Amino acid sequence: QAPAWEPPVDVIETADAISVHVALPGAVAESVLVELQPGAITISARRLFPLGASENQRTRIHALEIPYGRFERRIGLPVQALFLVGRKLQDGCLTLTFSKNKEST
């Protein structure tokens, strides 16, 4: 199934590491798949639509700005020179921490 949206990301590099921060409000941590590929990482999952009313009640949507459905984001990184050392989903933000392979930099 084709991705419906791409989450925004921040990529921050220091001398020893690269941090990738992905905005995933409402995503379940266990559903997020992180794949290391040659020259990139891919982050994907599905963000379900929260139905606040039961099926027997009429529901009126007044605004719908937060994206829902399957998402995927490919981020170009030299993954052959990186090691994933940290993964945390907290407060709607996925943070991936990669240490650098000193011999490849």
C-alpha atoms as a PDB file:
ATOM      1  CA  GLN A   1       0.000   0.000   0.000  1.00  0.00           C
ATOM      2  CA  ALA A   2       1.332   3.417  -0.945  1.00  0.00           C
ATOM      3  CA  PRO A   3       2.222   5.825   1.873  1.00  0.00           C
ATOM      4  CA  ALA A   4      -0.373   8.524   2.528  1.00  0.00           C
ATOM      5  CA  TRP A   5       1.992  11.053   4.114  1.00  0.00           C
ATOM      6  CA  GLU A   6       5.570  11.760   5.219  1.00  0.00           C
ATOM      7  CA  PRO A   7       6.377  12.896   8.758  1.00  0.00           C
ATOM      8  CA  PRO A   8       8.697  15.893   9.217  1.00  0.00           C
ATOM      9  CA  VAL A   9      12.230  15.153  10.420  1.00  0.00           C
ATOM     10  CA  ASP A  10      15.239  16.914  11.929  1.00  0.00           C
ATOM     11  CA  VAL A  11      18.714  15.459  11.387  1.00  0.00           C
ATOM     12  CA  ILE A  12      21.455  16.736  13.696  1.00  0.00           C
ATOM     13  CA  GLU A  13      25.105  15.744  13.413  1.00  0.00           C
ATOM     14  CA  THR A  14      27.827  16.111  16.012  1.00  0.00           C
ATOM     15  CA  ALA A  15      31.435  14.955  15.916  1.00  0.00           C
ATOM     16  CA  ASP A  16      30.501  11.529  17.326  1.00  0.00           C
ATOM     17  CA  ALA A  17      26.858  10.920  16.388  1.00  0.00           C
ATOM     18  CA  ILE A  18      23.858  11.667  14.208  1.00  0.00           C
ATOM     19  CA  SER A  19      20.407  12.137  15.751  1.00  0.00           C
ATOM     20  CA  VAL A  20      17.243  11.765  13.696  1.00  0.00           C
ATOM     21  CA  HIS A  21      14.048  13.219  15.186  1.00  0.00           C
ATOM     22  CA  VAL A  22      10.762  12.251  13.522  1.00  0.00           C
ATOM     23  CA  ALA A  23       7.405  13.850  14.431  1.00  0.00           C
ATOM     24  CA  LEU A  24       4.971  10.947  14.941  1.00  0.00           C
ATOM     25  CA  PRO A  25       2.097  12.205  17.114  1.00  0.00           C
ATOM     26  CA  GLY A  26      -0.255   9.379  18.003  1.00  0.00           C
ATOM     27  CA  ALA A  27       1.883   6.607  16.487  1.00  0.00           C
ATOM     28  CA  VAL A  28       2.233   3.417  18.521  1.00  0.00           C
ATOM     29  CA  ALA A  29       5.910   2.658  19.239  1.00  0.00           C
ATOM     30  CA  GLU A  30       5.575  -1.053  18.444  1.00  0.00           C
ATOM     31  CA  SER A  31       4.177  -0.300  14.983  1.00  0.00           C
ATOM     32  CA  VAL A  32       7.106   1.863  13.837  1.00  0.00           C
ATOM     33  CA  LEU A  33       9.503   0.027  11.524  1.00  0.00           C
ATOM     34  CA  VAL A  34      13.038   1.372  11.037  1.00  0.00           C
ATOM     35  CA  GLU A  35      14.962  -0.150   8.138  1.00  0.00           C
ATOM     36  CA  LEU A  36      18.643   0.459   7.438  1.00  0.00           C
ATOM     37  CA  GLN A  37      19.348   0.442   3.701  1.00  0.00           C
ATOM     38  CA  PRO A  38      22.421   1.307   1.655  1.00  0.00           C
ATOM     39  CA  GLY A  39      22.764   5.083   1.955  1.00  0.00           C
ATOM     40  CA  ALA A  40      19.518   5.685   3.851  1.00  0.00           C
ATOM     41  CA  ILE A  41      17.092   4.744   6.588  1.00  0.00           C
ATOM     42  CA  THR A  42      13.369   4.253   6.065  1.00  0.00           C
ATOM     43  CA  ILE A  43      10.818   4.817   8.826  1.00  0.00           C
ATOM     44  CA  SER A  44       7.283   3.531   8.285  1.00  0.00           C
ATOM     45  CA  ALA A  45       4.091   2.617  10.142  1.00  0.00           C
ATOM     46  CA  ARG A  46       0.407   3.460  10.219  1.00  0.00           C
ATOM     47  CA  ARG A  47      -1.282   6.185  12.222  1.00  0.00           C
ATOM     48  CA  LEU A  48      -4.874   5.182  12.877  1.00  0.00           C
ATOM     49  CA  PHE A  49      -7.758   7.635  12.782  1.00  0.00           C
ATOM     50  CA  PRO A  50      -9.106   8.135  16.320  1.00  0.00           C
ATOM     51  CA  LEU A  51     -12.857   7.657  16.294  1.00  0.00           C
ATOM     52  CA  GLY A  52     -14.157   9.557  19.278  1.00  0.00           C
ATOM     53  CA  ALA A  53     -17.819   8.683  18.823  1.00  0.00           C
ATOM     54  CA  SER A  54     -19.390   5.251  18.763  1.00  0.00           C
ATOM     55  CA  GLU A  55     -20.697   3.876  15.480  1.00  0.00           C
ATOM     56  CA  ASN A  56     -24.295   4.416  16.615  1.00  0.00           C
ATOM     57  CA  GLN A  57     -23.839   8.169  16.980  1.00  0.00           C
ATOM     58  CA  ARG A  58     -23.580  10.738  14.235  1.00  0.00           C
ATOM     59  CA  THR A  59     -20.109  12.223  13.985  1.00  0.00           C
ATOM     60  CA  ARG A  60     -19.303  15.658  12.590  1.00  0.00           C
ATOM     61  CA  ILE A  61     -15.689  16.522  11.794  1.00  0.00           C
ATOM     62  CA  HIS A  62     -14.955  20.214  12.250  1.00  0.00           C
ATOM     63  CA  ALA A  63     -11.287  20.110  11.296  1.00  0.00           C
ATOM     64  CA  LEU A  64      -8.998  17.395   9.968  1.00  0.00           C
ATOM     65  CA  GLU A  65      -5.409  18.619   9.695  1.00  0.00           C
ATOM     66  CA  ILE A  66      -3.375  15.820  11.306  1.00  0.00           C
ATOM     67  CA  PRO A  67      -2.461  13.175   8.710  1.00  0.00           C
ATOM     68  CA  TYR A  68      -3.631   9.589   9.189  1.00  0.00           C
ATOM     69  CA  GLY A  69      -2.969   6.331   7.416  1.00  0.00           C
ATOM     70  CA  ARG A  70       0.255   4.664   6.323  1.00  0.00           C
ATOM     71  CA  PHE A  71       3.359   6.825   6.422  1.00  0.00           C
ATOM     72  CA  GLU A  72       6.884   6.371   5.222  1.00  0.00           C
ATOM     73  CA  ARG A  73       9.942   8.575   5.264  1.00  0.00           C
ATOM     74  CA  ARG A  74      13.295   7.808   3.624  1.00  0.00           C
ATOM     75  CA  ILE A  75      16.245   9.798   4.946  1.00  0.00           C
ATOM     76  CA  GLY A  76      19.583   9.746   3.167  1.00  0.00           C
ATOM     77  CA  LEU A  77      22.406   8.913   5.591  1.00  0.00           C
ATOM     78  CA  PRO A  78      25.736   7.088   5.228  1.00  0.00           C
ATOM     79  CA  VAL A  79      24.422   4.100   7.194  1.00  0.00           C
ATOM     80  CA  GLN A  80      27.464   2.001   6.324  1.00  0.00           C
ATOM     81  CA  ALA A  81      29.411   4.353   8.623  1.00  0.00           C
ATOM     82  CA  LEU A  82      26.768   4.454  11.391  1.00  0.00           C
ATOM     83  CA  PHE A  83      25.552   2.169  14.173  1.00  0.00           C
ATOM     84  CA  LEU A  84      22.046   2.525  15.632  1.00  0.00           C
ATOM     85  CA  VAL A  85      22.636   2.881  19.379  1.00  0.00           C
ATOM     86  CA  GLY A  86      19.369   4.439  20.563  1.00  0.00           C
ATOM     87  CA  ARG A  87      15.670   4.424  19.685  1.00  0.00           C
ATOM     88  CA  LYS A  88      13.014   6.229  21.750  1.00  0.00           C
ATOM     89  CA  LEU A  89       9.442   7.312  21.008  1.00  0.00           C
ATOM     90  CA  GLN A  90       8.418   9.897  23.578  1.00  0.00           C
ATOM     91  CA  ASP A  91       5.908  12.744  23.481  1.00  0.00           C
ATOM     92  CA  GLY A  92       5.100  12.044  19.824  1.00  0.00           C
ATOM     93  CA  CYS A  93       8.709  12.223  18.659  1.00  0.00           C
ATOM     94  CA  LEU A  94      10.814   9.264  17.526  1.00  0.00           C
ATOM     95  CA  THR A  95      14.513   9.826  18.233  1.00  0.00           C
ATOM     96  CA  LEU A  96      17.091   7.597  16.584  1.00  0.00           C
ATOM     97  CA  THR A  97      20.706   7.959  17.663  1.00  0.00           C
ATOM     98  CA  PHE A  98      23.531   6.667  15.489  1.00  0.00           C
ATOM     99  CA  SER A  99      27.174   6.554  16.542  1.00  0.00           C
ATOM    100  CA  LYS A 100      29.742   7.143  13.845  1.00  0.00           C
ATOM    101  CA  ASN A 101      32.227   4.506  12.761  1.00  0.00           C
ATOM    102  CA  LYS A 102      35.486   6.445  13.251  1.00  0.00           C
ATOM    103  CA  GLU A 103      37.279   4.421  10.553  1.00  0.00           C
ATOM    104  CA  SER A 104      34.733   5.475   7.887  1.00  0.00           C
ATOM    105  CA  THR A 105      34.664   9.213   8.638  1.00  0.00           C
END
